[in-house]
Amino acid sequence: MSINGRTCHGQFECLISSSTGKCTSPALKAYQKVRSYAVWHLENMGLWGTLKHLLLRACKACAPQKRKLNTQAQDRKLSPDQEVLDLEPGELVRVKSVEEILATLDRNRKCRGLLWMTGMRKFCGKRYRVLKRVERILLESNGELREMRNTVLLEGALCDGSEFSKCDRSCFHFWREAWLARVAEQQFSSSGYSESETAT
């Protein structure tokens, strides 16, 4: 598209000049960050799991000399067959259970640097086709071209924005192959797959 006589590629000053920004106070930003953190844990770990997590964090904060003892939470080790599936467009996959996915995350809620985002839980146990592999992405914030590995997009697995101030961008979620499992074609009906179909 063209803005002010210049071609815009949807980034940097083009985005700023073609949109209406909202003034966000530091207090609101802090609230949004805390809310996002709380919603993620409640969604993926439940109330009891969240309280237990906060209690453990508090205990570790009071005993810094013991922080290095729990190395497993800092660096989850995945076997090659878990981490690399070499999925191709059109293949059928099942999103693993929440418990299986949480086991791949480090203490920052990431798998190899990729965040398991709020709102992704609802896709767990369901079956989808791979839309495409993600090899590289352009970060709109700073223009950095970042390469990615073992990550795919799934057909119909979009962010609905409900936990992000009702954002309407409908972005694709990024899926680590470690969060997915192949499903045989014959396990699907002849009419195709169903997004709402749960795994058996």
N, C-alpha and C. Protein backbone atom coordinates (compact mmCIF):
# COMPACT_ATOMS: atom_id res chain seq x y z
N MET A 1 0.84 -1.18 0.00
CA MET A 1 0.00 0.00 0.00
C MET A 1 0.88 1.24 0.00
N SER A 2 0.29 2.38 -0.26
CA SER A 2 1.05 3.63 -0.35
C SER A 2 0.55 4.61 0.69
N ILE A 3 1.49 5.19 1.44
CA ILE A 3 1.16 6.18 2.47
C ILE A 3 2.01 7.41 2.23
N ASN A 4 1.35 8.55 2.07
CA ASN A 4 2.06 9.81 1.83
C ASN A 4 3.00 9.71 0.63
N GLY A 5 2.54 9.00 -0.40
CA GLY A 5 3.32 8.90 -1.62
C GLY A 5 4.45 7.90 -1.56
N ARG A 6 4.56 7.14 -0.45
CA ARG A 6 5.63 6.15 -0.31
C ARG A 6 5.03 4.76 -0.21
N THR A 7 5.79 3.79 -0.67
CA THR A 7 5.35 2.40 -0.55
C THR A 7 5.60 1.93 0.87
N CYS A 8 4.57 1.32 1.45
CA CYS A 8 4.67 0.84 2.83
C CYS A 8 4.66 -0.67 2.85
N HIS A 9 5.56 -1.24 3.63
CA HIS A 9 5.64 -2.69 3.76
C HIS A 9 5.09 -3.15 5.10
N GLY A 10 4.35 -2.28 5.77
CA GLY A 10 3.69 -2.67 7.02
C GLY A 10 4.59 -2.71 8.22
N GLN A 11 5.57 -1.82 8.30
CA GLN A 11 6.44 -1.84 9.46
C GLN A 11 6.94 -0.44 9.78
N PHE A 12 7.51 -0.30 10.98
CA PHE A 12 8.14 0.92 11.44
C PHE A 12 7.21 2.13 11.34
N GLU A 13 7.70 3.24 10.73
CA GLU A 13 6.92 4.48 10.72
C GLU A 13 5.65 4.36 9.91
N CYS A 14 5.61 3.38 8.96
CA CYS A 14 4.38 3.20 8.18
C CYS A 14 3.24 2.76 9.08
N LEU A 15 3.54 1.84 10.00
CA LEU A 15 2.51 1.38 10.92
C LEU A 15 2.05 2.51 11.82
N ILE A 16 3.00 3.31 12.28
CA ILE A 16 2.66 4.40 13.19
C ILE A 16 1.78 5.44 12.49
N SER A 17 2.13 5.76 11.25
CA SER A 17 1.40 6.80 10.55
C SER A 17 0.04 6.35 10.04
N SER A 18 -0.18 5.03 9.96
CA SER A 18 -1.44 4.54 9.42
C SER A 18 -2.36 3.99 10.50
N SER A 19 -2.02 4.22 11.77
CA SER A 19 -2.85 3.72 12.85
C SER A 19 -2.99 4.79 13.92
N THR A 20 -3.98 4.58 14.77
CA THR A 20 -4.22 5.50 15.87
C THR A 20 -3.78 4.84 17.16
N GLY A 21 -2.75 5.37 17.75
CA GLY A 21 -2.22 4.77 18.97
C GLY A 21 -3.00 5.20 20.19
N LYS A 22 -2.99 4.35 21.22
CA LYS A 22 -3.62 4.69 22.48
C LYS A 22 -2.53 5.00 23.50
N CYS A 23 -2.77 6.02 24.27
CA CYS A 23 -1.82 6.38 25.31
C CYS A 23 -1.91 5.36 26.44
N THR A 24 -0.80 4.70 26.70
CA THR A 24 -0.78 3.67 27.73
C THR A 24 0.09 4.14 28.88
N SER A 25 -0.48 4.28 30.05
CA SER A 25 0.27 4.73 31.20
C SER A 25 1.14 3.60 31.72
N PRO A 26 2.24 3.92 32.44
CA PRO A 26 3.08 2.89 33.03
C PRO A 26 2.30 1.95 33.95
N ALA A 27 1.34 2.51 34.66
CA ALA A 27 0.53 1.69 35.57
C ALA A 27 -0.30 0.67 34.79
N LEU A 28 -0.86 1.08 33.64
CA LEU A 28 -1.65 0.17 32.82
C LEU A 28 -0.76 -0.91 32.20
N LYS A 29 0.44 -0.52 31.78
CA LYS A 29 1.37 -1.50 31.23
C LYS A 29 1.73 -2.55 32.28
N ALA A 30 1.97 -2.09 33.51
CA ALA A 30 2.31 -3.02 34.59
C ALA A 30 1.14 -3.95 34.88
N TYR A 31 -0.07 -3.39 34.88
CA TYR A 31 -1.27 -4.20 35.10
C TYR A 31 -1.42 -5.28 34.01
N GLN A 32 -1.20 -4.86 32.74
CA GLN A 32 -1.34 -5.81 31.64
C GLN A 32 -0.31 -6.93 31.74
N LYS A 33 0.90 -6.59 32.18
CA LYS A 33 1.95 -7.61 32.31
C LYS A 33 1.61 -8.61 33.41
N VAL A 34 1.16 -8.09 34.55
CA VAL A 34 0.79 -8.98 35.66
C VAL A 34 -0.41 -9.83 35.28
N ARG A 35 -1.39 -9.22 34.61
CA ARG A 35 -2.59 -9.96 34.20
C ARG A 35 -2.24 -11.07 33.21
N SER A 36 -1.36 -10.77 32.26
CA SER A 36 -0.95 -11.77 31.28
C SER A 36 -0.25 -12.94 31.96
N TYR A 37 0.61 -12.63 32.94
CA TYR A 37 1.33 -13.66 33.69
C TYR A 37 0.35 -14.53 34.47
N ALA A 38 -0.61 -13.88 35.13
CA ALA A 38 -1.58 -14.63 35.93
C ALA A 38 -2.49 -15.49 35.06
N VAL A 39 -2.97 -14.93 33.95
CA VAL A 39 -3.87 -15.68 33.07
C VAL A 39 -3.16 -16.88 32.49
N TRP A 40 -1.90 -16.73 32.08
CA TRP A 40 -1.14 -17.86 31.51
C TRP A 40 -1.07 -19.01 32.50
N HIS A 41 -0.71 -18.71 33.75
CA HIS A 41 -0.55 -19.77 34.75
C HIS A 41 -1.89 -20.39 35.13
N LEU A 42 -2.92 -19.58 35.28
CA LEU A 42 -4.24 -20.13 35.61
C LEU A 42 -4.76 -21.02 34.48
N GLU A 43 -4.53 -20.60 33.24
CA GLU A 43 -5.01 -21.34 32.09
C GLU A 43 -4.30 -22.68 31.95
N ASN A 44 -2.99 -22.70 32.18
CA ASN A 44 -2.20 -23.90 31.92
C ASN A 44 -1.96 -24.76 33.16
N MET A 45 -2.01 -24.16 34.35
CA MET A 45 -1.68 -24.91 35.56
C MET A 45 -2.83 -24.99 36.56
N GLY A 46 -3.90 -24.24 36.32
CA GLY A 46 -5.02 -24.25 37.26
C GLY A 46 -4.70 -23.42 38.49
N LEU A 47 -5.70 -23.22 39.34
CA LEU A 47 -5.53 -22.38 40.53
C LEU A 47 -4.51 -22.98 41.49
N TRP A 48 -4.67 -24.29 41.79
CA TRP A 48 -3.75 -24.93 42.74
C TRP A 48 -2.32 -24.96 42.21
N GLY A 49 -2.17 -25.27 40.94
CA GLY A 49 -0.84 -25.31 40.34
C GLY A 49 -0.19 -23.93 40.35
N THR A 50 -0.98 -22.89 40.11
CA THR A 50 -0.46 -21.52 40.12
C THR A 50 -0.02 -21.12 41.52
N LEU A 51 -0.84 -21.42 42.51
CA LEU A 51 -0.48 -21.10 43.90
C LEU A 51 0.78 -21.85 44.32
N LYS A 52 0.88 -23.11 43.92
CA LYS A 52 2.06 -23.91 44.25
C LYS A 52 3.30 -23.32 43.59
N HIS A 53 3.16 -22.90 42.33
CA HIS A 53 4.27 -22.30 41.60
C HIS A 53 4.74 -21.02 42.29
N LEU A 54 3.80 -20.15 42.68
CA LEU A 54 4.16 -18.90 43.33
C LEU A 54 4.83 -19.16 44.67
N LEU A 55 4.34 -20.18 45.39
CA LEU A 55 4.94 -20.52 46.68
C LEU A 55 6.38 -21.00 46.51
N LEU A 56 6.61 -21.84 45.49
CA LEU A 56 7.96 -22.33 45.23
C LEU A 56 8.90 -21.19 44.83
N ARG A 57 8.38 -20.27 44.01
CA ARG A 57 9.19 -19.12 43.60
C ARG A 57 9.56 -18.27 44.82
N ALA A 58 8.59 -18.10 45.72
CA ALA A 58 8.85 -17.31 46.92
C ALA A 58 9.90 -17.98 47.80
N CYS A 59 9.81 -19.31 47.92
CA CYS A 59 10.79 -20.05 48.72
C CYS A 59 12.19 -19.95 48.12
N LYS A 60 12.29 -20.03 46.80
CA LYS A 60 13.59 -19.92 46.13
C LYS A 60 14.17 -18.53 46.30
N ALA A 61 13.29 -17.52 46.29
CA ALA A 61 13.76 -16.15 46.47
C ALA A 61 14.35 -15.95 47.86
N CYS A 62 13.80 -16.68 48.83
CA CYS A 62 14.29 -16.57 50.20
C CYS A 62 15.55 -17.40 50.43
N ALA A 63 15.84 -18.31 49.51
CA ALA A 63 17.02 -19.18 49.65
C ALA A 63 17.80 -19.19 48.33
N PRO A 64 18.45 -18.06 47.99
CA PRO A 64 19.14 -17.95 46.70
C PRO A 64 20.26 -18.96 46.51
N GLN A 65 20.84 -19.46 47.61
CA GLN A 65 21.93 -20.41 47.47
C GLN A 65 21.47 -21.76 46.93
N LYS A 66 20.15 -22.01 46.92
CA LYS A 66 19.63 -23.28 46.44
C LYS A 66 19.09 -23.21 45.02
N ARG A 67 19.19 -22.06 44.38
CA ARG A 67 18.58 -21.89 43.07
C ARG A 67 19.19 -22.78 42.01
N LYS A 68 20.50 -23.06 42.12
CA LYS A 68 21.18 -23.82 41.09
C LYS A 68 20.92 -25.32 41.18
N LEU A 69 20.25 -25.77 42.21
CA LEU A 69 20.01 -27.20 42.38
C LEU A 69 19.01 -27.72 41.37
N ASN A 70 18.03 -26.92 41.00
CA ASN A 70 17.00 -27.37 40.07
C ASN A 70 17.35 -26.94 38.65
N THR A 71 18.23 -27.69 38.00
CA THR A 71 18.65 -27.34 36.65
C THR A 71 17.66 -27.83 35.61
N GLN A 72 16.85 -28.81 35.94
CA GLN A 72 15.91 -29.36 34.97
C GLN A 72 14.89 -28.31 34.55
N ALA A 73 14.46 -27.46 35.48
CA ALA A 73 13.48 -26.42 35.15
C ALA A 73 14.08 -25.35 34.26
N GLN A 74 15.42 -25.20 34.29
CA GLN A 74 16.05 -24.17 33.50
C GLN A 74 16.29 -24.61 32.06
N ASP A 75 16.54 -25.90 31.85
CA ASP A 75 16.89 -26.37 30.51
C ASP A 75 16.30 -27.76 30.28
N ARG A 76 15.13 -27.79 29.69
CA ARG A 76 14.48 -29.06 29.41
C ARG A 76 15.21 -29.78 28.29
N LYS A 77 15.52 -31.04 28.48
CA LYS A 77 16.21 -31.82 27.47
C LYS A 77 15.19 -32.63 26.68
N LEU A 78 15.18 -32.42 25.36
CA LEU A 78 14.26 -33.13 24.49
C LEU A 78 15.04 -34.10 23.63
N SER A 79 14.47 -35.27 23.41
CA SER A 79 15.10 -36.24 22.52
C SER A 79 14.93 -35.77 21.08
N PRO A 80 15.84 -36.20 20.16
CA PRO A 80 15.75 -35.75 18.77
C PRO A 80 14.41 -36.03 18.11
N ASP A 81 13.78 -37.18 18.44
CA ASP A 81 12.50 -37.50 17.81
C ASP A 81 11.38 -36.64 18.36
N GLN A 82 11.56 -36.05 19.54
CA GLN A 82 10.57 -35.11 20.08
C GLN A 82 10.73 -33.73 19.45
N GLU A 83 11.97 -33.32 19.30
CA GLU A 83 12.24 -31.95 18.90
C GLU A 83 12.15 -31.74 17.39
N VAL A 84 12.50 -32.75 16.60
CA VAL A 84 12.54 -32.61 15.14
C VAL A 84 11.65 -33.65 14.48
N LEU A 85 10.55 -33.19 13.87
CA LEU A 85 9.65 -34.09 13.14
C LEU A 85 9.76 -33.89 11.63
N ASP A 86 10.40 -32.79 11.20
CA ASP A 86 10.50 -32.46 9.77
C ASP A 86 9.12 -32.47 9.10
N LEU A 87 8.17 -31.81 9.74
CA LEU A 87 6.81 -31.76 9.21
C LEU A 87 6.76 -30.95 7.91
N GLU A 88 5.87 -31.35 7.02
CA GLU A 88 5.69 -30.67 5.75
C GLU A 88 4.24 -30.21 5.60
N PRO A 89 3.98 -29.19 4.78
CA PRO A 89 2.61 -28.72 4.57
C PRO A 89 1.68 -29.86 4.15
N GLY A 90 0.50 -29.88 4.74
CA GLY A 90 -0.49 -30.90 4.42
C GLY A 90 -0.49 -32.08 5.36
N GLU A 91 0.57 -32.26 6.16
CA GLU A 91 0.61 -33.38 7.09
C GLU A 91 -0.39 -33.15 8.22
N LEU A 92 -0.88 -34.25 8.77
CA LEU A 92 -1.85 -34.20 9.86
C LEU A 92 -1.13 -34.37 11.20
N VAL A 93 -1.49 -33.53 12.15
CA VAL A 93 -0.85 -33.58 13.47
C VAL A 93 -1.89 -33.43 14.57
N ARG A 94 -1.51 -33.86 15.73
CA ARG A 94 -2.30 -33.64 16.94
C ARG A 94 -1.49 -32.78 17.89
N VAL A 95 -2.11 -31.75 18.44
CA VAL A 95 -1.45 -30.95 19.45
C VAL A 95 -1.43 -31.76 20.74
N LYS A 96 -0.27 -31.89 21.34
CA LYS A 96 -0.13 -32.70 22.54
C LYS A 96 -0.91 -32.11 23.72
N SER A 97 -0.99 -32.87 24.78
CA SER A 97 -1.73 -32.42 25.96
C SER A 97 -0.96 -31.30 26.65
N VAL A 98 -1.67 -30.55 27.49
CA VAL A 98 -1.04 -29.46 28.23
C VAL A 98 0.13 -29.98 29.06
N GLU A 99 -0.07 -31.12 29.71
CA GLU A 99 0.98 -31.69 30.56
C GLU A 99 2.24 -32.02 29.75
N GLU A 100 2.05 -32.60 28.56
CA GLU A 100 3.19 -32.93 27.71
C GLU A 100 3.93 -31.69 27.26
N ILE A 101 3.18 -30.64 26.94
CA ILE A 101 3.80 -29.41 26.46
C ILE A 101 4.50 -28.67 27.59
N LEU A 102 3.89 -28.61 28.76
CA LEU A 102 4.53 -27.94 29.89
C LEU A 102 5.85 -28.60 30.23
N ALA A 103 5.97 -29.90 29.99
CA ALA A 103 7.21 -30.61 30.27
C ALA A 103 8.35 -30.20 29.35
N THR A 104 8.04 -29.52 28.23
CA THR A 104 9.08 -29.07 27.30
C THR A 104 9.52 -27.64 27.58
N LEU A 105 8.86 -26.95 28.52
CA LEU A 105 9.12 -25.54 28.74
C LEU A 105 10.15 -25.31 29.83
N ASP A 106 10.93 -24.23 29.68
CA ASP A 106 11.85 -23.85 30.72
C ASP A 106 11.15 -22.95 31.73
N ARG A 107 11.89 -22.39 32.66
CA ARG A 107 11.25 -21.59 33.70
C ARG A 107 10.70 -20.28 33.18
N ASN A 108 11.06 -19.92 31.94
CA ASN A 108 10.52 -18.71 31.30
C ASN A 108 9.33 -19.03 30.40
N ARG A 109 8.79 -20.23 30.52
CA ARG A 109 7.61 -20.68 29.77
C ARG A 109 7.89 -20.82 28.28
N LYS A 110 9.15 -21.12 27.94
CA LYS A 110 9.55 -21.21 26.54
C LYS A 110 10.16 -22.57 26.22
N CYS A 111 10.04 -22.94 24.95
CA CYS A 111 10.71 -24.13 24.42
C CYS A 111 11.67 -23.65 23.35
N ARG A 112 12.96 -23.76 23.62
CA ARG A 112 13.98 -23.26 22.69
C ARG A 112 13.73 -21.80 22.30
N GLY A 113 13.31 -21.01 23.28
CA GLY A 113 13.12 -19.58 23.05
C GLY A 113 11.73 -19.19 22.57
N LEU A 114 10.87 -20.16 22.24
CA LEU A 114 9.53 -19.86 21.76
C LEU A 114 8.53 -19.99 22.90
N LEU A 115 7.79 -18.91 23.15
CA LEU A 115 6.85 -18.87 24.26
C LEU A 115 5.60 -19.67 23.97
N TRP A 116 5.20 -20.49 24.94
CA TRP A 116 3.88 -21.13 24.89
C TRP A 116 2.89 -20.07 25.35
N MET A 117 2.14 -19.52 24.43
CA MET A 117 1.36 -18.32 24.71
C MET A 117 0.02 -18.58 25.37
N THR A 118 -0.46 -17.56 26.04
CA THR A 118 -1.82 -17.59 26.56
C THR A 118 -2.78 -17.78 25.39
N GLY A 119 -3.76 -18.65 25.57
CA GLY A 119 -4.74 -18.90 24.52
C GLY A 119 -4.45 -20.11 23.66
N MET A 120 -3.26 -20.72 23.82
CA MET A 120 -2.92 -21.89 23.01
C MET A 120 -3.45 -23.18 23.61
N ARG A 121 -3.79 -23.15 24.88
CA ARG A 121 -4.26 -24.36 25.55
C ARG A 121 -5.49 -24.96 24.87
N LYS A 122 -6.37 -24.11 24.34
CA LYS A 122 -7.62 -24.61 23.77
C LYS A 122 -7.39 -25.49 22.54
N PHE A 123 -6.19 -25.46 21.96
CA PHE A 123 -5.89 -26.30 20.80
C PHE A 123 -5.38 -27.68 21.19
N CYS A 124 -5.07 -27.87 22.48
CA CYS A 124 -4.48 -29.13 22.92
C CYS A 124 -5.44 -30.30 22.69
N GLY A 125 -4.90 -31.42 22.21
CA GLY A 125 -5.69 -32.62 21.96
C GLY A 125 -6.44 -32.61 20.65
N LYS A 126 -6.39 -31.50 19.92
CA LYS A 126 -7.11 -31.41 18.66
C LYS A 126 -6.17 -31.66 17.48
N ARG A 127 -6.78 -31.90 16.32
CA ARG A 127 -6.01 -32.29 15.14
C ARG A 127 -6.10 -31.24 14.05
N TYR A 128 -4.98 -31.00 13.41
CA TYR A 128 -4.89 -29.97 12.39
C TYR A 128 -3.95 -30.41 11.27
N ARG A 129 -4.06 -29.72 10.15
CA ARG A 129 -3.09 -29.90 9.07
C ARG A 129 -2.02 -28.82 9.18
N VAL A 130 -0.81 -29.20 8.84
CA VAL A 130 0.28 -28.23 8.81
C VAL A 130 0.06 -27.31 7.61
N LEU A 131 0.06 -26.02 7.86
CA LEU A 131 -0.08 -25.04 6.78
C LEU A 131 1.25 -24.81 6.08
N LYS A 132 2.28 -24.54 6.87
CA LYS A 132 3.61 -24.32 6.30
C LYS A 132 4.66 -24.35 7.40
N ARG A 133 5.90 -24.50 7.00
CA ARG A 133 7.01 -24.41 7.93
C ARG A 133 7.38 -22.94 8.11
N VAL A 134 7.88 -22.61 9.30
CA VAL A 134 8.35 -21.25 9.57
C VAL A 134 9.87 -21.29 9.58
N GLU A 135 10.48 -20.67 8.60
CA GLU A 135 11.94 -20.65 8.48
C GLU A 135 12.54 -19.32 8.93
N ARG A 136 11.81 -18.22 8.70
CA ARG A 136 12.31 -16.91 9.11
C ARG A 136 11.13 -15.95 9.29
N ILE A 137 11.30 -15.02 10.22
CA ILE A 137 10.27 -14.01 10.45
C ILE A 137 10.94 -12.65 10.60
N LEU A 138 10.21 -11.60 10.24
CA LEU A 138 10.68 -10.23 10.39
C LEU A 138 10.00 -9.61 11.59
N LEU A 139 10.78 -9.16 12.56
CA LEU A 139 10.23 -8.54 13.75
C LEU A 139 9.87 -7.09 13.44
N GLU A 140 8.59 -6.77 13.60
CA GLU A 140 8.14 -5.41 13.29
C GLU A 140 8.71 -4.38 14.24
N SER A 141 9.07 -4.79 15.44
CA SER A 141 9.54 -3.84 16.44
C SER A 141 10.88 -3.22 16.07
N ASN A 142 11.77 -4.02 15.45
CA ASN A 142 13.09 -3.47 15.15
C ASN A 142 13.63 -3.86 13.77
N GLY A 143 12.84 -4.60 12.98
CA GLY A 143 13.27 -4.96 11.64
C GLY A 143 14.22 -6.12 11.57
N GLU A 144 14.47 -6.79 12.70
CA GLU A 144 15.40 -7.93 12.72
C GLU A 144 14.79 -9.12 11.98
N LEU A 145 15.60 -9.73 11.11
CA LEU A 145 15.18 -10.94 10.41
C LEU A 145 15.69 -12.13 11.21
N ARG A 146 14.77 -12.88 11.79
CA ARG A 146 15.15 -13.96 12.70
C ARG A 146 14.85 -15.32 12.08
N GLU A 147 15.82 -16.21 12.09
CA GLU A 147 15.63 -17.56 11.57
C GLU A 147 15.04 -18.45 12.65
N MET A 148 14.20 -19.39 12.23
CA MET A 148 13.55 -20.31 13.16
C MET A 148 13.71 -21.74 12.69
N ARG A 149 13.69 -22.67 13.63
CA ARG A 149 13.83 -24.08 13.30
C ARG A 149 12.73 -24.90 13.99
N ASN A 150 12.37 -25.99 13.34
CA ASN A 150 11.44 -26.96 13.94
C ASN A 150 10.15 -26.28 14.41
N THR A 151 9.64 -25.38 13.58
CA THR A 151 8.44 -24.61 13.91
C THR A 151 7.51 -24.58 12.71
N VAL A 152 6.21 -24.72 12.95
CA VAL A 152 5.24 -24.73 11.85
C VAL A 152 4.03 -23.89 12.21
N LEU A 153 3.23 -23.58 11.18
CA LEU A 153 1.91 -22.98 11.35
C LEU A 153 0.88 -24.06 11.08
N LEU A 154 -0.24 -24.00 11.79
CA LEU A 154 -1.32 -24.97 11.62
C LEU A 154 -2.55 -24.28 11.05
N GLU A 155 -3.24 -24.96 10.13
CA GLU A 155 -4.44 -24.41 9.52
C GLU A 155 -5.50 -24.15 10.59
N GLY A 156 -6.00 -22.94 10.65
CA GLY A 156 -7.09 -22.62 11.56
C GLY A 156 -6.70 -22.37 12.99
N ALA A 157 -5.41 -22.53 13.33
CA ALA A 157 -4.97 -22.31 14.72
C ALA A 157 -4.51 -20.87 14.87
N LEU A 158 -5.48 -19.98 15.05
CA LEU A 158 -5.22 -18.55 15.12
C LEU A 158 -5.47 -18.01 16.51
N CYS A 159 -4.78 -16.92 16.83
CA CYS A 159 -5.03 -16.22 18.09
C CYS A 159 -6.32 -15.42 17.95
N ASP A 160 -7.25 -15.60 18.89
CA ASP A 160 -8.51 -14.86 18.80
C ASP A 160 -8.44 -13.51 19.51
N GLY A 161 -7.30 -13.22 20.14
CA GLY A 161 -7.11 -11.91 20.76
C GLY A 161 -7.87 -11.66 22.04
N SER A 162 -8.58 -12.67 22.52
CA SER A 162 -9.43 -12.45 23.70
C SER A 162 -8.63 -12.08 24.94
N GLU A 163 -7.39 -12.57 25.04
CA GLU A 163 -6.56 -12.26 26.21
C GLU A 163 -5.58 -11.14 25.92
N PHE A 164 -5.70 -10.51 24.77
CA PHE A 164 -4.79 -9.42 24.40
C PHE A 164 -5.59 -8.18 24.01
N SER A 165 -6.42 -7.75 24.95
CA SER A 165 -7.25 -6.55 24.77
C SER A 165 -8.11 -6.63 23.52
N LYS A 166 -8.56 -7.85 23.20
CA LYS A 166 -9.44 -8.10 22.05
C LYS A 166 -8.81 -7.64 20.73
N CYS A 167 -7.52 -7.94 20.60
CA CYS A 167 -6.78 -7.62 19.37
C CYS A 167 -7.40 -8.38 18.20
N ASP A 168 -7.55 -7.71 17.05
CA ASP A 168 -8.19 -8.31 15.88
C ASP A 168 -7.21 -8.77 14.80
N ARG A 169 -5.92 -8.85 15.11
CA ARG A 169 -4.96 -9.21 14.09
C ARG A 169 -5.09 -10.66 13.63
N SER A 170 -5.62 -11.53 14.48
CA SER A 170 -5.80 -12.96 14.13
C SER A 170 -4.49 -13.58 13.66
N CYS A 171 -3.44 -13.42 14.46
CA CYS A 171 -2.13 -13.96 14.11
C CYS A 171 -2.12 -15.48 14.23
N PHE A 172 -1.30 -16.13 13.40
CA PHE A 172 -1.07 -17.55 13.56
C PHE A 172 -0.22 -17.79 14.80
N HIS A 173 -0.55 -18.82 15.55
CA HIS A 173 0.33 -19.26 16.62
C HIS A 173 1.49 -20.02 16.00
N PHE A 174 2.68 -19.88 16.58
CA PHE A 174 3.84 -20.65 16.16
C PHE A 174 3.89 -21.92 17.00
N TRP A 175 4.14 -23.05 16.33
CA TRP A 175 4.12 -24.34 17.01
C TRP A 175 5.48 -25.04 16.87
N ARG A 176 6.12 -25.28 18.00
CA ARG A 176 7.31 -26.11 18.00
C ARG A 176 6.89 -27.54 17.66
N GLU A 177 7.70 -28.23 16.89
CA GLU A 177 7.38 -29.61 16.55
C GLU A 177 7.34 -30.49 17.80
N ALA A 178 8.04 -30.09 18.84
CA ALA A 178 8.01 -30.84 20.10
C ALA A 178 6.63 -30.81 20.75
N TRP A 179 5.78 -29.89 20.33
CA TRP A 179 4.42 -29.79 20.88
C TRP A 179 3.41 -30.58 20.06
N LEU A 180 3.86 -31.22 19.00
CA LEU A 180 2.95 -31.88 18.07
C LEU A 180 3.30 -33.36 17.91
N ALA A 181 2.32 -34.12 17.45
CA ALA A 181 2.54 -35.54 17.13
C ALA A 181 1.85 -35.84 15.80
N ARG A 182 2.51 -36.62 14.96
CA ARG A 182 1.91 -36.99 13.68
C ARG A 182 0.68 -37.86 13.91
N VAL A 183 -0.29 -37.71 13.00
CA VAL A 183 -1.50 -38.53 13.04
C VAL A 183 -1.65 -39.19 11.68
N ALA A 184 -1.91 -40.49 11.68
CA ALA A 184 -2.07 -41.22 10.43
C ALA A 184 -3.30 -40.74 9.68
N GLU A 185 -3.19 -40.67 8.37
CA GLU A 185 -4.28 -40.17 7.53
C GLU A 185 -5.56 -40.97 7.72
N GLN A 186 -5.44 -42.29 7.92
CA GLN A 186 -6.63 -43.12 8.02
C GLN A 186 -7.42 -42.89 9.31
N GLN A 187 -6.82 -42.15 10.24
CA GLN A 187 -7.53 -41.85 11.49
C GLN A 187 -8.55 -40.73 11.31
N PHE A 188 -8.53 -40.11 10.14
CA PHE A 188 -9.47 -39.05 9.86
C PHE A 188 -10.58 -39.54 8.95
N SER A 189 -11.72 -38.91 9.04
CA SER A 189 -12.84 -39.29 8.20
C SER A 189 -12.57 -38.91 6.76
N SER A 190 -13.27 -39.50 5.84
CA SER A 190 -13.07 -39.23 4.43
C SER A 190 -13.45 -37.80 4.05
N SER A 191 -14.25 -37.16 4.89
CA SER A 191 -14.65 -35.79 4.62
C SER A 191 -13.62 -34.78 5.05
N GLY A 192 -12.52 -35.26 5.64
CA GLY A 192 -11.46 -34.36 6.06
C GLY A 192 -11.37 -34.27 7.57
N TYR A 193 -10.51 -33.36 8.04
CA TYR A 193 -10.31 -33.25 9.48
C TYR A 193 -11.22 -32.19 10.06
N SER A 194 -11.38 -32.26 11.35
CA SER A 194 -12.22 -31.29 12.04
C SER A 194 -11.40 -30.59 13.11
N GLU A 195 -11.44 -29.27 13.11
CA GLU A 195 -10.67 -28.52 14.10
C GLU A 195 -11.12 -28.85 15.50
N SER A 196 -12.39 -29.15 15.66
CA SER A 196 -12.92 -29.40 17.00
C SER A 196 -12.80 -30.85 17.40
N GLU A 197 -12.31 -31.71 16.50
CA GLU A 197 -12.21 -33.12 16.80
C GLU A 197 -11.10 -33.35 17.82
N THR A 198 -11.37 -34.03 18.88
CA THR A 198 -10.37 -34.28 19.89
C THR A 198 -9.70 -35.62 19.64
N ALA A 199 -8.47 -35.70 20.11
CA ALA A 199 -7.70 -36.93 19.92
C ALA A 199 -8.22 -38.02 20.84
N THR A 200 -8.06 -39.24 20.39
CA THR A 200 -8.49 -40.37 21.20
C THR A 200 -7.31 -40.96 21.93
